[in-house]
Every structure is written in structure tokens, then in C-alpha cells.
PDB file of N, CA and C in Angstrom:
ATOM      1  N   UNK A   1      30.450  -0.522 -13.611  1.00  0.00           N
ATOM      2  CA  UNK A   1      29.204  -1.180 -12.958  1.00  0.00           C
ATOM      3  C   UNK A   1      28.712  -0.584 -11.899  1.00  0.00           C
ATOM      4  N   UNK A   2      27.198  -0.277 -11.779  1.00  0.00           N
ATOM      5  CA  UNK A   2      26.727   0.475 -10.664  1.00  0.00           C
ATOM      6  C   UNK A   2      26.634  -0.392  -9.559  1.00  0.00           C
ATOM      7  N   UNK A   3      26.951   0.194  -8.382  1.00  0.00           N
ATOM      8  CA  UNK A   3      26.897  -0.610  -7.230  1.00  0.00           C
ATOM      9  C   UNK A   3      25.507  -0.882  -6.652  1.00  0.00           C
ATOM     10  N   UNK A   4      25.104  -2.068  -6.239  1.00  0.00           N
ATOM     11  CA  UNK A   4      23.904  -2.437  -5.824  1.00  0.00           C
ATOM     12  C   UNK A   4      23.715  -1.938  -4.285  1.00  0.00           C
ATOM     13  N   UNK A   5      22.500  -1.369  -4.027  1.00  0.00           N
ATOM     14  CA  UNK A   5      22.268  -0.828  -2.565  1.00  0.00           C
ATOM     15  C   UNK A   5      22.276  -2.159  -1.678  1.00  0.00           C
ATOM     16  N   UNK A   6      22.786  -1.911  -0.445  1.00  0.00           N
ATOM     17  CA  UNK A   6      22.557  -2.855   0.484  1.00  0.00           C
ATOM     18  C   UNK A   6      21.255  -3.192   0.843  1.00  0.00           C
ATOM     19  N   UNK A   7      20.830  -4.375   0.817  1.00  0.00           N
ATOM     20  CA  UNK A   7      19.472  -4.781   1.170  1.00  0.00           C
ATOM     21  C   UNK A   7      19.586  -5.962   2.253  1.00  0.00           C
ATOM     22  N   UNK A   8      18.604  -5.920   3.237  1.00  0.00           N
ATOM     23  CA  UNK A   8      18.778  -7.035   4.031  1.00  0.00           C
ATOM     24  C   UNK A   8      17.275  -7.319   4.421  1.00  0.00           C
ATOM     25  N   UNK A   9      16.921  -8.576   4.679  1.00  0.00           N
ATOM     26  CA  UNK A   9      15.542  -8.948   5.002  1.00  0.00           C
ATOM     27  C   UNK A   9      15.474  -8.913   6.556  1.00  0.00           C
ATOM     28  N   UNK A  10      14.445  -8.206   7.165  1.00  0.00           N
ATOM     29  CA  UNK A  10      14.257  -8.250   8.557  1.00  0.00           C
ATOM     30  C   UNK A  10      13.889  -9.504   8.891  1.00  0.00           C
ATOM     31  N   UNK A  11      14.625 -10.213   9.827  1.00  0.00           N
ATOM     32  CA  UNK A  11      14.128 -11.417  10.403  1.00  0.00           C
ATOM     33  C   UNK A  11      14.106 -12.667   9.483  1.00  0.00           C
ATOM     34  N   UNK A  12      15.408 -12.986   8.790  1.00  0.00           N
ATOM     35  CA  UNK A  12      15.327 -14.013   7.820  1.00  0.00           C
ATOM     36  C   UNK A  12      14.783 -15.322   8.351  1.00  0.00           C
ATOM     37  N   UNK A  13      14.148 -15.966   7.591  1.00  0.00           N
ATOM     38  CA  UNK A  13      13.450 -17.253   8.012  1.00  0.00           C
ATOM     39  C   UNK A  13      11.913 -16.995   8.503  1.00  0.00           C
ATOM     40  N   UNK A  14      11.598 -15.847   8.809  1.00  0.00           N
ATOM     41  CA  UNK A  14      10.262 -15.481   9.168  1.00  0.00           C
ATOM     42  C   UNK A  14       9.355 -15.888   8.075  1.00  0.00           C
ATOM     43  N   UNK A  15       8.352 -16.714   8.445  1.00  0.00           N
ATOM     44  CA  UNK A  15       7.470 -17.117   7.441  1.00  0.00           C
ATOM     45  C   UNK A  15       6.636 -16.084   6.756  1.00  0.00           C
ATOM     46  N   UNK A  16       6.148 -15.049   7.543  1.00  0.00           N
ATOM     47  CA  UNK A  16       5.512 -14.074   6.981  1.00  0.00           C
ATOM     48  C   UNK A  16       6.429 -13.304   5.995  1.00  0.00           C
ATOM     49  N   UNK A  17       7.707 -12.825   6.347  1.00  0.00           N
ATOM     50  CA  UNK A  17       8.351 -12.124   5.412  1.00  0.00           C
ATOM     51  C   UNK A  17       8.695 -12.976   4.244  1.00  0.00           C
ATOM     52  N   UNK A  18       8.943 -14.238   4.392  1.00  0.00           N
ATOM     53  CA  UNK A  18       9.129 -15.130   3.154  1.00  0.00           C
ATOM     54  C   UNK A  18       7.818 -15.077   2.335  1.00  0.00           C
ATOM     55  N   UNK A  19       6.678 -14.773   2.919  1.00  0.00           N
ATOM     56  CA  UNK A  19       5.515 -15.029   2.039  1.00  0.00           C
ATOM     57  C   UNK A  19       5.458 -13.836   1.298  1.00  0.00           C
ATOM     58  N   UNK A  20       5.826 -12.659   1.928  1.00  0.00           N
ATOM     59  CA  UNK A  20       5.913 -11.406   1.069  1.00  0.00           C
ATOM     60  C   UNK A  20       6.755 -11.287  -0.045  1.00  0.00           C
ATOM     61  N   UNK A  21       7.863 -12.069   0.094  1.00  0.00           N
ATOM     62  CA  UNK A  21       8.964 -12.098  -0.992  1.00  0.00           C
ATOM     63  C   UNK A  21       8.378 -13.124  -2.154  1.00  0.00           C
ATOM     64  N   UNK A  22       7.270 -13.982  -1.897  1.00  0.00           N
ATOM     65  CA  UNK A  22       6.918 -14.818  -2.993  1.00  0.00           C
ATOM     66  C   UNK A  22       5.727 -14.262  -3.595  1.00  0.00           C
ATOM     67  N   UNK A  23       5.664 -13.049  -4.105  1.00  0.00           N
ATOM     68  CA  UNK A  23       4.632 -12.416  -4.864  1.00  0.00           C
ATOM     69  C   UNK A  23       5.122 -11.732  -6.257  1.00  0.00           C
ATOM     70  N   UNK A  24       4.225 -11.672  -7.210  1.00  0.00           N
ATOM     71  CA  UNK A  24       4.718 -11.014  -8.420  1.00  0.00           C
ATOM     72  C   UNK A  24       5.260  -9.550  -8.321  1.00  0.00           C
ATOM     73  N   UNK A  25       4.463  -8.820  -7.293  1.00  0.00           N
ATOM     74  CA  UNK A  25       4.844  -7.504  -7.105  1.00  0.00           C
ATOM     75  C   UNK A  25       6.311  -7.463  -6.517  1.00  0.00           C
ATOM     76  N   UNK A  26       6.616  -8.128  -5.577  1.00  0.00           N
ATOM     77  CA  UNK A  26       8.067  -8.221  -5.027  1.00  0.00           C
ATOM     78  C   UNK A  26       9.036  -8.633  -6.217  1.00  0.00           C
ATOM     79  N   UNK A  27       8.706  -9.610  -6.972  1.00  0.00           N
ATOM     80  CA  UNK A  27       9.722  -9.898  -8.095  1.00  0.00           C
ATOM     81  C   UNK A  27       9.863  -8.835  -9.026  1.00  0.00           C
ATOM     82  N   UNK A  28       8.616  -8.113  -9.297  1.00  0.00           N
ATOM     83  CA  UNK A  28       8.836  -6.985 -10.263  1.00  0.00           C
ATOM     84  C   UNK A  28       9.706  -5.949  -9.722  1.00  0.00           C
ATOM     85  N   UNK A  29       9.553  -5.710  -8.522  1.00  0.00           N
ATOM     86  CA  UNK A  29      10.464  -4.558  -7.858  1.00  0.00           C
ATOM     87  C   UNK A  29      11.779  -5.077  -7.717  1.00  0.00           C
ATOM     88  N   UNK A  30      12.169  -6.238  -7.438  1.00  0.00           N
ATOM     89  CA  UNK A  30      13.500  -6.802  -7.283  1.00  0.00           C
ATOM     90  C   UNK A  30      14.060  -6.741  -8.759  1.00  0.00           C
ATOM     91  N   UNK A  31      13.497  -7.092  -9.805  1.00  0.00           N
ATOM     92  CA  UNK A  31      14.035  -7.034 -11.059  1.00  0.00           C
ATOM     93  C   UNK A  31      14.453  -5.731 -11.568  1.00  0.00           C
ATOM     94  N   UNK A  32      13.505  -4.875 -11.354  1.00  0.00           N
ATOM     95  CA  UNK A  32      13.709  -3.325 -11.761  1.00  0.00           C
ATOM     96  C   UNK A  32      14.871  -2.776 -10.980  1.00  0.00           C
ATOM     97  N   UNK A  33      14.793  -3.045  -9.697  1.00  0.00           N
ATOM     98  CA  UNK A  33      15.916  -2.523  -8.847  1.00  0.00           C
ATOM     99  C   UNK A  33      17.233  -3.035  -9.129  1.00  0.00           C
ATOM    100  N   UNK A  34      17.423  -4.347  -9.560  1.00  0.00           N
ATOM    101  CA  UNK A  34      18.596  -5.059  -9.802  1.00  0.00           C
ATOM    102  C   UNK A  34      19.088  -4.526 -11.235  1.00  0.00           C
ATOM    103  N   UNK A  35      18.174  -4.428 -12.131  1.00  0.00           N
ATOM    104  CA  UNK A  35      18.538  -4.005 -13.467  1.00  0.00           C
ATOM    105  C   UNK A  35      18.783  -2.448 -13.634  1.00  0.00           C
ATOM    106  N   UNK A  36      18.128  -1.732 -12.971  1.00  0.00           N
ATOM    107  CA  UNK A  36      18.183  -0.162 -13.061  1.00  0.00           C
ATOM    108  C   UNK A  36      18.320   0.617 -11.776  1.00  0.00           C
ATOM    109  N   UNK A  37      19.341   0.209 -11.045  1.00  0.00           N
ATOM    110  CA  UNK A  37      19.401   1.023  -9.820  1.00  0.00           C
ATOM    111  C   UNK A  37      19.638   2.502  -9.827  1.00  0.00           C
ATOM    112  N   UNK A  38      20.224   3.014 -11.008  1.00  0.00           N
ATOM    113  CA  UNK A  38      20.202   4.401 -11.162  1.00  0.00           C
ATOM    114  C   UNK A  38      18.880   4.933 -11.287  1.00  0.00           C
ATOM    115  N   UNK A  39      17.748   4.346 -11.769  1.00  0.00           N
ATOM    116  CA  UNK A  39      16.673   4.969 -12.041  1.00  0.00           C
ATOM    117  C   UNK A  39      15.504   4.995 -10.896  1.00  0.00           C
ATOM    118  N   UNK A  40      15.984   4.338  -9.887  1.00  0.00           N
ATOM    119  CA  UNK A  40      14.812   4.039  -8.660  1.00  0.00           C
ATOM    120  C   UNK A  40      14.317   5.319  -8.222  1.00  0.00           C
ATOM    121  N   UNK A  41      15.092   6.311  -7.862  1.00  0.00           N
ATOM    122  CA  UNK A  41      14.671   7.451  -7.387  1.00  0.00           C
ATOM    123  C   UNK A  41      13.620   8.137  -8.198  1.00  0.00           C
ATOM    124  N   UNK A  42      14.155   8.323  -9.602  1.00  0.00           N
ATOM    125  CA  UNK A  42      13.182   9.121 -10.621  1.00  0.00           C
ATOM    126  C   UNK A  42      11.930   8.273 -10.734  1.00  0.00           C
ATOM    127  N   UNK A  43      12.203   6.776 -10.797  1.00  0.00           N
ATOM    128  CA  UNK A  43      10.757   6.050 -10.940  1.00  0.00           C
ATOM    129  C   UNK A  43       9.912   6.348  -9.727  1.00  0.00           C
ATOM    130  N   UNK A  44      10.249   6.373  -8.545  1.00  0.00           N
ATOM    131  CA  UNK A  44       9.535   6.509  -7.252  1.00  0.00           C
ATOM    132  C   UNK A  44       8.879   8.013  -7.412  1.00  0.00           C
ATOM    133  N   UNK A  45       9.645   8.885  -7.676  1.00  0.00           N
ATOM    134  CA  UNK A  45       9.078  10.196  -7.857  1.00  0.00           C
ATOM    135  C   UNK A  45       8.012  10.334  -8.847  1.00  0.00           C
ATOM    136  N   UNK A  46       8.090   9.766  -9.992  1.00  0.00           N
ATOM    137  CA  UNK A  46       7.111   9.639 -10.995  1.00  0.00           C
ATOM    138  C   UNK A  46       5.920   9.018 -10.623  1.00  0.00           C
ATOM    139  N   UNK A  47       6.231   7.889 -10.086  1.00  0.00           N
ATOM    140  CA  UNK A  47       4.953   7.121  -9.407  1.00  0.00           C
ATOM    141  C   UNK A  47       4.128   7.802  -8.313  1.00  0.00           C
ATOM    142  N   UNK A  48       4.903   8.441  -7.551  1.00  0.00           N
ATOM    143  CA  UNK A  48       4.166   9.218  -6.554  1.00  0.00           C
ATOM    144  C   UNK A  48       3.415  10.433  -7.271  1.00  0.00           C
ATOM    145  N   UNK A  49       4.000  11.095  -8.220  1.00  0.00           N
ATOM    146  CA  UNK A  49       3.372  12.293  -8.974  1.00  0.00           C
ATOM    147  C   UNK A  49       2.062  11.565  -9.541  1.00  0.00           C
ATOM    148  N   UNK A  50       2.069  10.345 -10.059  1.00  0.00           N
ATOM    149  CA  UNK A  50       0.771   9.805 -10.874  1.00  0.00           C
ATOM    150  C   UNK A  50      -0.221   9.513  -9.697  1.00  0.00           C
ATOM    151  N   UNK A  51       0.200   9.221  -8.384  1.00  0.00           N
ATOM    152  CA  UNK A  51      -0.729   8.821  -7.327  1.00  0.00           C
ATOM    153  C   UNK A  51      -1.374  10.028  -6.987  1.00  0.00           C
ATOM    154  N   UNK A  52      -0.576  11.240  -6.952  1.00  0.00           N
ATOM    155  CA  UNK A  52      -1.070  12.611  -6.496  1.00  0.00           C
ATOM    156  C   UNK A  52      -2.098  13.137  -7.504  1.00  0.00           C
ATOM    157  N   UNK A  53      -1.678  13.133  -8.983  1.00  0.00           N
ATOM    158  CA  UNK A  53      -2.421  13.838 -10.031  1.00  0.00           C
ATOM    159  C   UNK A  53      -3.409  12.913 -10.486  1.00  0.00           C
ATOM    160  N   UNK A  54      -3.320  11.515 -10.389  1.00  0.00           N
ATOM    161  CA  UNK A  54      -4.162  10.593 -11.355  1.00  0.00           C
ATOM    162  C   UNK A  54      -3.607  10.335 -12.657  1.00  0.00           C
ATOM    163  N   UNK A  55      -4.061   9.158 -12.998  1.00  0.00           N
ATOM    164  CA  UNK A  55      -3.409   8.676 -14.246  1.00  0.00           C
ATOM    165  C   UNK A  55      -3.582   9.718 -15.589  1.00  0.00           C
ATOM    166  N   UNK A  56      -4.878   9.957 -15.611  1.00  0.00           N
ATOM    167  CA  UNK A  56      -5.164  10.729 -16.707  1.00  0.00           C
ATOM    168  C   UNK A  56      -4.567  12.247 -16.821  1.00  0.00           C
ATOM    169  N   UNK A  57      -4.596  12.977 -15.727  1.00  0.00           N
ATOM    170  CA  UNK A  57      -3.982  14.195 -15.632  1.00  0.00           C
ATOM    171  C   UNK A  57      -2.293  14.044 -15.771  1.00  0.00           C
ATOM    172  N   UNK A  58      -1.752  13.128 -15.270  1.00  0.00           N
ATOM    173  CA  UNK A  58      -0.361  12.969 -15.328  1.00  0.00           C
ATOM    174  C   UNK A  58      -0.009  12.657 -16.873  1.00  0.00           C
ATOM    175  N   UNK A  59      -0.796  11.630 -17.337  1.00  0.00           N
ATOM    176  CA  UNK A  59      -0.496  11.396 -18.928  1.00  0.00           C
ATOM    177  C   UNK A  59      -0.485  12.668 -19.771  1.00  0.00           C
ATOM    178  N   UNK A  60      -1.619  13.307 -19.546  1.00  0.00           N
ATOM    179  CA  UNK A  60      -1.750  14.412 -20.229  1.00  0.00           C
ATOM    180  C   UNK A  60      -0.760  15.398 -20.094  1.00  0.00           C
ATOM    181  N   UNK A  61      -0.312  15.771 -18.709  1.00  0.00           N
ATOM    182  CA  UNK A  61       0.834  16.666 -18.489  1.00  0.00           C
ATOM    183  C   UNK A  61       2.211  16.334 -19.166  1.00  0.00           C
ATOM    184  N   UNK A  62       2.295  14.896 -19.100  1.00  0.00           N
ATOM    185  CA  UNK A  62       3.676  14.408 -19.545  1.00  0.00           C
ATOM    186  C   UNK A  62       3.712  14.088 -20.931  1.00  0.00           C
ATOM    187  N   UNK A  63       2.664  14.146 -21.609  1.00  0.00           N
ATOM    188  CA  UNK A  63       2.613  13.710 -23.057  1.00  0.00           C
ATOM    189  C   UNK A  63       2.733  12.259 -23.320  1.00  0.00           C
ATOM    190  N   UNK A  64       2.320  11.574 -22.419  1.00  0.00           N
ATOM    191  CA  UNK A  64       2.443   9.814 -22.625  1.00  0.00           C
ATOM    192  C   UNK A  64       1.074   9.285 -22.519  1.00  0.00           C
ATOM    193  N   UNK A  65       0.849   8.131 -22.938  1.00  0.00           N
ATOM    194  CA  UNK A  65      -0.219   7.331 -23.110  1.00  0.00           C
ATOM    195  C   UNK A  65      -0.631   6.853 -21.696  1.00  0.00           C
ATOM    196  N   UNK A  66      -1.919   6.486 -21.539  1.00  0.00           N
ATOM    197  CA  UNK A  66      -2.297   6.059 -20.137  1.00  0.00           C
ATOM    198  C   UNK A  66      -1.728   4.925 -19.719  1.00  0.00           C
ATOM    199  N   UNK A  67      -1.626   3.948 -20.836  1.00  0.00           N
ATOM    200  CA  UNK A  67      -0.871   2.503 -20.467  1.00  0.00           C
ATOM    201  C   UNK A  67       0.587   2.677 -19.770  1.00  0.00           C
ATOM    202  N   UNK A  68       1.315   3.635 -20.367  1.00  0.00           N
ATOM    203  CA  UNK A  68       2.603   4.051 -20.079  1.00  0.00           C
ATOM    204  C   UNK A  68       2.645   4.449 -18.578  1.00  0.00           C
ATOM    205  N   UNK A  69       1.686   5.507 -18.315  1.00  0.00           N
ATOM    206  CA  UNK A  69       1.596   5.995 -17.080  1.00  0.00           C
ATOM    207  C   UNK A  69       1.399   4.884 -16.114  1.00  0.00           C
ATOM    208  N   UNK A  70       0.345   4.017 -16.523  1.00  0.00           N
ATOM    209  CA  UNK A  70       0.050   3.012 -15.598  1.00  0.00           C
ATOM    210  C   UNK A  70       1.088   2.079 -15.216  1.00  0.00           C
ATOM    211  N   UNK A  71       1.952   1.702 -16.299  1.00  0.00           N
ATOM    212  CA  UNK A  71       2.966   0.861 -16.015  1.00  0.00           C
ATOM    213  C   UNK A  71       3.952   1.392 -15.136  1.00  0.00           C
ATOM    214  N   UNK A  72       4.213   2.825 -15.295  1.00  0.00           N
ATOM    215  CA  UNK A  72       5.213   3.499 -14.457  1.00  0.00           C
ATOM    216  C   UNK A  72       4.658   3.519 -12.949  1.00  0.00           C
ATOM    217  N   UNK A  73       3.309   3.651 -12.851  1.00  0.00           N
ATOM    218  CA  UNK A  73       2.688   3.757 -11.516  1.00  0.00           C
ATOM    219  C   UNK A  73       3.029   2.245 -10.800  1.00  0.00           C
ATOM    220  N   UNK A  74       2.747   1.218 -11.608  1.00  0.00           N
ATOM    221  CA  UNK A  74       2.804  -0.112 -11.114  1.00  0.00           C
ATOM    222  C   UNK A  74       4.203  -0.515 -10.751  1.00  0.00           C
ATOM    223  N   UNK A  75       5.264  -0.127 -11.767  1.00  0.00           N
ATOM    224  CA  UNK A  75       6.464  -0.558 -11.360  1.00  0.00           C
ATOM    225  C   UNK A  75       7.039   0.276 -10.095  1.00  0.00           C
ATOM    226  N   UNK A  76       6.705   1.598 -10.011  1.00  0.00           N
ATOM    227  CA  UNK A  76       7.054   2.322  -8.783  1.00  0.00           C
ATOM    228  C   UNK A  76       6.469   1.892  -7.486  1.00  0.00           C
ATOM    229  N   UNK A  77       5.209   1.138  -7.641  1.00  0.00           N
ATOM    230  CA  UNK A  77       4.636   0.800  -6.479  1.00  0.00           C
ATOM    231  C   UNK A  77       5.487  -0.743  -6.113  1.00  0.00           C
ATOM    232  N   UNK A  78       5.802  -1.590  -7.211  1.00  0.00           N
ATOM    233  CA  UNK A  78       6.586  -2.727  -7.002  1.00  0.00           C
ATOM    234  C   UNK A  78       7.874  -2.334  -6.518  1.00  0.00           C
ATOM    235  N   UNK A  79       8.714  -1.501  -6.882  1.00  0.00           N
ATOM    236  CA  UNK A  79       9.828  -1.075  -6.155  1.00  0.00           C
ATOM    237  C   UNK A  79       9.895  -0.675  -4.682  1.00  0.00           C
ATOM    238  N   UNK A  80       8.725   0.062  -4.437  1.00  0.00           N
ATOM    239  CA  UNK A  80       8.505   0.623  -3.017  1.00  0.00           C
ATOM    240  C   UNK A  80       8.166  -0.713  -2.309  1.00  0.00           C
ATOM    241  N   UNK A  81       7.416  -1.605  -2.791  1.00  0.00           N
ATOM    242  CA  UNK A  81       6.999  -2.746  -2.010  1.00  0.00           C
ATOM    243  C   UNK A  81       8.363  -3.558  -1.817  1.00  0.00           C
ATOM    244  N   UNK A  82       9.045  -3.812  -2.718  1.00  0.00           N
ATOM    245  CA  UNK A  82      10.354  -4.403  -2.547  1.00  0.00           C
ATOM    246  C   UNK A  82      11.336  -3.771  -1.475  1.00  0.00           C
ATOM    247  N   UNK A  83      11.446  -2.617  -1.700  1.00  0.00           N
ATOM    248  CA  UNK A  83      12.317  -1.812  -0.577  1.00  0.00           C
ATOM    249  C   UNK A  83      11.826  -1.833   0.637  1.00  0.00           C
ATOM    250  N   UNK A  84      10.532  -1.979   0.948  1.00  0.00           N
ATOM    251  CA  UNK A  84       9.964  -2.107   2.251  1.00  0.00           C
ATOM    252  C   UNK A  84      10.229  -3.496   2.721  1.00  0.00           C
ATOM    253  N   UNK A  85      10.119  -4.518   1.889  1.00  0.00           N
ATOM    254  CA  UNK A  85      10.428  -5.891   2.550  1.00  0.00           C
ATOM    255  C   UNK A  85      11.807  -6.033   2.723  1.00  0.00           C
ATOM    256  N   UNK A  86      12.740  -5.644   1.929  1.00  0.00           N
ATOM    257  CA  UNK A  86      14.049  -5.947   2.053  1.00  0.00           C
ATOM    258  C   UNK A  86      14.897  -4.977   3.199  1.00  0.00           C
ATOM    259  N   UNK A  87      14.086  -3.744   3.464  1.00  0.00           N
ATOM    260  CA  UNK A  87      14.727  -3.005   4.483  1.00  0.00           C
ATOM    261  C   UNK A  87      15.677  -1.939   3.885  1.00  0.00           C
TER     262      UNK A  87
END
């Protein structure tokens, strides 16, 4: 079983941090990170590539549909958001 990365919330109990954790984006990032820790780096790399190239160009170069590229981008953003909140 893959070992989960150590995560800690800066200033537990802080209302602002807690509000950041109560979002769909945070939940999506947490879910992906918990279920697929071995894919996090690859996902982030692909989402950064999509940001740099744009959805259309990335999907054409990778031979994938626009919707799949968008889902990859969104999931990558969610994981980065989750990681930034949890430290």
C-alpha cells in the first residue's frame, strides 16, 4: 500500500483555513491525492502543460478530447489547491 504524504494544516482551528477546506475544489484535490498519491506529480506536470499550451493545443498534441484535457487541468488545479492549504 502506498504511503500517504505527511500533510498538516497551518494554524489548525483558524477560521480562514477552515473555510478554505470547505470547498469543492479542496474536496476534489483531497480525494485524488488520497486515492492516487503515485500520480500526483504526473497530474501536476500535465496540468501545468495545459496552462502553458492552452486546452486546444494540448489536446491536439496529446491526441485527447478537450473535455479530458479540461478535467485533467481542473483536477491538477484542485490537487495544487489542496496541497497549498494542507502544507
